[in-house]
Protein backbone atom coordinates (compact mmCIF):
# COMPACT_ATOMS: atom_id res chain seq x y z
CA MET A 1 0.09 15.61 7.71
CA ASP A 2 1.96 12.31 7.67
CA GLU A 3 2.20 10.34 4.47
CA TYR A 4 2.98 6.67 3.91
CA VAL A 5 3.98 5.58 0.41
CA ILE A 6 3.39 2.03 -0.79
CA ASN A 7 5.23 0.79 -3.87
CA VAL A 8 2.71 -1.45 -5.63
CA GLY A 9 5.47 -3.22 -7.55
CA LYS A 10 6.77 -4.50 -4.22
CA VAL A 11 3.25 -5.45 -3.10
CA GLU A 12 2.82 -7.50 -6.28
CA GLU A 13 6.20 -9.14 -5.69
CA TRP A 14 5.23 -10.08 -2.11
CA GLN A 15 1.92 -11.45 -3.42
CA MET A 16 3.75 -13.71 -5.89
CA ILE A 17 6.03 -15.16 -3.22
CA LYS A 18 3.20 -15.19 -0.66
CA ASP A 19 5.13 -13.06 1.85
CA ILE A 20 2.14 -12.43 4.08
CA ALA A 21 4.25 -11.23 7.03
CA THR A 22 5.70 -8.35 5.02
CA LEU A 23 2.31 -7.44 3.57
CA ASP A 24 0.81 -7.44 7.08
CA GLU A 25 3.58 -5.15 8.31
CA VAL A 26 3.17 -2.68 5.44
CA PHE A 27 -0.60 -2.55 5.85
CA GLN A 28 -0.35 -2.10 9.63
CA ARG A 29 2.02 0.85 9.19
CA ALA A 30 -0.29 2.38 6.61
CA LYS A 31 -3.29 1.91 8.89
CA ARG A 32 -1.48 3.67 11.77
CA VAL A 33 -0.78 6.64 9.51
CA LEU A 34 -4.44 6.82 8.45
CA VAL A 35 -5.69 6.57 12.04
CA GLY A 36 -3.33 9.40 12.93
CA GLY A 37 -4.90 11.62 10.28
CA GLY A 38 -2.34 11.03 7.54
CA MET A 39 -2.54 9.82 3.97
CA VAL A 40 -1.44 6.63 2.21
CA ALA A 41 -0.25 6.91 -1.38
CA LEU A 42 0.17 4.14 -3.94
CA VAL A 43 3.02 4.61 -6.39
CA ARG A 44 4.35 2.60 -9.31
CA GLU A 45 7.98 2.80 -10.38
CA GLN A 46 8.85 2.96 -14.06
CA ARG A 47 11.78 1.23 -15.75
CA ASP A 48 13.61 4.53 -16.04
CA GLY A 49 13.57 4.94 -12.26
CA SER A 50 10.82 7.52 -12.10
CA SER A 51 7.63 6.84 -10.21
CA TYR A 52 4.09 8.11 -10.35
CA ARG A 53 1.34 8.28 -7.79
CA PHE A 54 -1.90 6.82 -9.03
CA GLU A 55 -4.01 6.47 -5.88
CA GLN A 56 -4.19 7.90 -2.41
CA PHE A 57 -6.26 7.07 0.64
CA THR A 58 -7.33 9.35 3.45
CA ASN A 59 -9.90 7.11 5.11
CA LEU A 60 -9.81 3.59 6.49
CA GLU A 61 -12.78 2.28 4.51
CA ASP A 62 -11.20 2.89 1.10
CA PHE A 63 -7.83 1.61 2.27
CA GLU A 64 -9.43 -1.53 3.73
CA GLU A 65 -11.02 -2.25 0.34
CA TYR A 66 -7.59 -2.03 -1.31
CA ARG A 67 -6.09 -4.31 1.37
CA LYS A 68 -8.82 -6.89 0.82
CA ASN A 69 -8.13 -6.87 -2.93
CA VAL A 70 -4.45 -7.53 -2.32
CA TYR A 71 -5.12 -10.47 0.01
CA LYS A 72 -7.77 -11.86 -2.33
CA TYR A 73 -5.04 -13.15 -4.64
CA LEU A 74 -3.12 -15.07 -1.98
């Protein structure tokens, strides 16, 4: 099964600078993985360099809800 990992720290950074093109690209890649039967994972990096996975999506409906929440703040 394919997996696509999204770093939410980067997503928040792109939100702050309103980099919609990069957000669109990331979400399109994630959507392709989901359509192909894969999984999308959300991770957050810690200051010490470690990261932890706090959410994962295996269906388009849940992922679309997350995407809408990200764009809501633009």
